Each structure stands twice: as structure tokens, then as C-alpha cells.
Amino acid sequence: APFNELTGPIPTTISNLQLLKHLALDNNAMTGSIPSTVGICTSLEHVSLTHNKFSGRIPTEIGTLQAFKYFAVQNNLFKGRLPYQLGSCQNL
């Protein structure tokens, strides 16, 4: 949903979308951190959150997503290093 002027955080209830494959929220004004509950979305393959105002650390739970193929988070306000658990994502 790029360029929709979306604001606010990704809700923790994203975990209810267990069959979600693509999450694209580029070019908005979204804030907050990536919720750790994203790790429950086991079908997630593609996450693109570029050009927002996300902050905090990228959750280690992202590394549990075995179907994960694409992860783009540039141009945000994240801090710290990428979690080493991302190395477990064999298709990334």
C-alpha cells in the first residue's frame, strides 16, 4: 500500500494474518517498531517497509520465518544491528 499516507504503527494483531505472504507499506509515515508478533505470520515471504519512520530494533522473531525471501527496511529510523537470526532464513 505505498503512497497512501498511512500513519501509526503496525498493529500487534498482524499475527492474526497467519496466511499473509506480502506486507508492503513503503513510502508512508508509519511509526513505531515492527511487532515481534510478525514471527507468527509463518507464510510471510515479502516484507517491504522502506521510506517510513519506523524505529527501534528489528525483532529477532523475523528469523523464524522459513518462507522469508525479501526484506527491505531502508530509510527508516531503526537502531542496532540486524538480528543474527535472519541468517536462519534460507531463502532470503
C-alpha atoms as a PDB file:
ATOM      1  CA  ALA A   1       0.000   0.000   0.000  1.00  0.00           C
ATOM      2  CA  PRO A   2       2.653   2.554  -0.925  1.00  0.00           C
ATOM      3  CA  PHE A   3       1.971   6.287  -1.060  1.00  0.00           C
ATOM      4  CA  ASN A   4      -1.271   6.073   0.917  1.00  0.00           C
ATOM      5  CA  GLU A   5      -0.206   8.442   3.695  1.00  0.00           C
ATOM      6  CA  LEU A   6      -0.666   5.695   6.280  1.00  0.00           C
ATOM      7  CA  THR A   7       0.402   6.641   9.801  1.00  0.00           C
ATOM      8  CA  GLY A   8       0.838   4.899  13.126  1.00  0.00           C
ATOM      9  CA  PRO A   9       2.346   1.536  13.978  1.00  0.00           C
ATOM     10  CA  ILE A  10       1.892  -1.926  12.537  1.00  0.00           C
ATOM     11  CA  PRO A  11      -0.661  -3.454  14.940  1.00  0.00           C
ATOM     12  CA  THR A  12       0.446  -6.408  17.059  1.00  0.00           C
ATOM     13  CA  THR A  13      -2.683  -8.176  15.807  1.00  0.00           C
ATOM     14  CA  ILE A  14      -0.884  -8.668  12.497  1.00  0.00           C
ATOM     15  CA  SER A  15      -0.306 -12.136  13.940  1.00  0.00           C
ATOM     16  CA  ASN A  16      -3.963 -12.886  13.118  1.00  0.00           C
ATOM     17  CA  LEU A  17      -2.972 -12.861   9.443  1.00  0.00           C
ATOM     18  CA  GLN A  18      -1.164 -16.183   9.513  1.00  0.00           C
ATOM     19  CA  LEU A  19      -1.611 -16.704   5.757  1.00  0.00           C
ATOM     20  CA  LEU A  20      -0.211 -13.253   4.892  1.00  0.00           C
ATOM     21  CA  LYS A  21       2.510 -13.592   2.233  1.00  0.00           C
ATOM     22  CA  HIS A  22       3.308  -9.982   1.275  1.00  0.00           C
ATOM     23  CA  LEU A  23       3.491  -6.940   3.523  1.00  0.00           C
ATOM     24  CA  ALA A  24       4.293  -3.784   1.553  1.00  0.00           C
ATOM     25  CA  LEU A  25       3.898  -0.473   3.374  1.00  0.00           C
ATOM     26  CA  ASP A  26       6.527   1.600   1.568  1.00  0.00           C
ATOM     27  CA  ASN A  27       6.507   5.387   1.309  1.00  0.00           C
ATOM     28  CA  ASN A  28       4.148   6.261   4.134  1.00  0.00           C
ATOM     29  CA  ALA A  29       4.537   7.949   7.519  1.00  0.00           C
ATOM     30  CA  MET A  30       4.287   4.829   9.659  1.00  0.00           C
ATOM     31  CA  THR A  31       5.928   4.853  13.087  1.00  0.00           C
ATOM     32  CA  GLY A  32       6.762   2.541  15.963  1.00  0.00           C
ATOM     33  CA  SER A  33       8.603  -0.727  15.769  1.00  0.00           C
ATOM     34  CA  ILE A  34       7.996  -3.946  13.891  1.00  0.00           C
ATOM     35  CA  PRO A  35       5.946  -6.029  16.341  1.00  0.00           C
ATOM     36  CA  SER A  36       7.537  -9.284  17.459  1.00  0.00           C
ATOM     37  CA  THR A  37       4.208 -10.970  16.681  1.00  0.00           C
ATOM     38  CA  VAL A  38       5.194 -10.795  12.999  1.00  0.00           C
ATOM     39  CA  GLY A  39       7.029 -14.064  13.713  1.00  0.00           C
ATOM     40  CA  ILE A  40       3.654 -15.800  13.961  1.00  0.00           C
ATOM     41  CA  CYS A  41       2.926 -14.984  10.299  1.00  0.00           C
ATOM     42  CA  THR A  42       4.617 -18.169   9.137  1.00  0.00           C
ATOM     43  CA  SER A  43       3.597 -17.744   5.469  1.00  0.00           C
ATOM     44  CA  LEU A  44       5.262 -14.320   5.198  1.00  0.00           C
ATOM     45  CA  GLU A  45       7.646 -14.180   2.231  1.00  0.00           C
ATOM     46  CA  HIS A  46       7.987 -10.496   1.380  1.00  0.00           C
ATOM     47  CA  VAL A  47       8.316  -7.515   3.749  1.00  0.00           C
ATOM     48  CA  SER A  48       8.933  -4.056   2.353  1.00  0.00           C
ATOM     49  CA  LEU A  49       8.727  -1.161   4.803  1.00  0.00           C
ATOM     50  CA  THR A  50      11.013   1.372   3.139  1.00  0.00           C
ATOM     51  CA  HIS A  51      10.699   5.158   3.485  1.00  0.00           C
ATOM     52  CA  ASN A  52       8.726   5.380   6.721  1.00  0.00           C
ATOM     53  CA  LYS A  53       9.514   6.444  10.281  1.00  0.00           C
ATOM     54  CA  PHE A  54       9.785   3.013  11.898  1.00  0.00           C
ATOM     55  CA  SER A  55      12.176   2.904  14.836  1.00  0.00           C
ATOM     56  CA  GLY A  56      13.576   0.612  17.494  1.00  0.00           C
ATOM     57  CA  ARG A  57      15.214  -2.711  16.786  1.00  0.00           C
ATOM     58  CA  ILE A  58      14.206  -5.277  14.208  1.00  0.00           C
ATOM     59  CA  PRO A  59      12.693  -8.185  16.164  1.00  0.00           C
ATOM     60  CA  THR A  60      14.615 -11.451  16.339  1.00  0.00           C
ATOM     61  CA  GLU A  61      11.366 -13.325  15.631  1.00  0.00           C
ATOM     62  CA  ILE A  62      11.767 -12.337  11.973  1.00  0.00           C
ATOM     63  CA  GLY A  63      14.435 -15.027  11.815  1.00  0.00           C
ATOM     64  CA  THR A  64      11.858 -17.749  12.446  1.00  0.00           C
ATOM     65  CA  LEU A  65      10.098 -17.111   9.131  1.00  0.00           C
ATOM     66  CA  GLN A  66      11.166 -20.051   6.986  1.00  0.00           C
ATOM     67  CA  ALA A  67       9.343 -18.817   3.857  1.00  0.00           C
ATOM     68  CA  PHE A  68      11.029 -15.383   4.065  1.00  0.00           C
ATOM     69  CA  LYS A  69      12.530 -14.282   0.715  1.00  0.00           C
ATOM     70  CA  TYR A  70      12.657 -10.461   0.720  1.00  0.00           C
ATOM     71  CA  PHE A  71      13.237  -7.892   3.468  1.00  0.00           C
ATOM     72  CA  ALA A  72      13.604  -4.163   2.719  1.00  0.00           C
ATOM     73  CA  VAL A  73      13.633  -1.608   5.540  1.00  0.00           C
ATOM     74  CA  GLN A  74      15.914   1.182   4.344  1.00  0.00           C
ATOM     75  CA  ASN A  75      15.202   4.838   5.044  1.00  0.00           C
ATOM     76  CA  ASN A  76      13.674   4.387   8.482  1.00  0.00           C
ATOM     77  CA  LEU A  77      14.916   5.159  11.989  1.00  0.00           C
ATOM     78  CA  PHE A  78      15.877   1.641  13.122  1.00  0.00           C
ATOM     79  CA  LYS A  79      18.717   1.255  15.629  1.00  0.00           C
ATOM     80  CA  GLY A  80      21.167  -1.506  16.251  1.00  0.00           C
ATOM     81  CA  ARG A  81      22.256  -4.371  14.096  1.00  0.00           C
ATOM     82  CA  LEU A  82      20.227  -6.752  12.024  1.00  0.00           C
ATOM     83  CA  PRO A  83      19.326  -9.759  14.164  1.00  0.00           C
ATOM     84  CA  TYR A  84      21.630 -12.710  13.544  1.00  0.00           C
ATOM     85  CA  GLN A  85      18.506 -14.887  13.364  1.00  0.00           C
ATOM     86  CA  LEU A  86      17.959 -13.579   9.837  1.00  0.00           C
ATOM     87  CA  GLY A  87      20.755 -15.968   8.881  1.00  0.00           C
ATOM     88  CA  SER A  88      18.282 -18.816   9.508  1.00  0.00           C
ATOM     89  CA  CYS A  89      16.094 -17.606   6.640  1.00  0.00           C
ATOM     90  CA  GLN A  90      17.488 -19.874   3.945  1.00  0.00           C
ATOM     91  CA  ASN A  91      15.598 -18.205   1.060  1.00  0.00           C
ATOM     92  CA  LEU A  92      16.406 -14.604   1.988  1.00  0.00           C
END
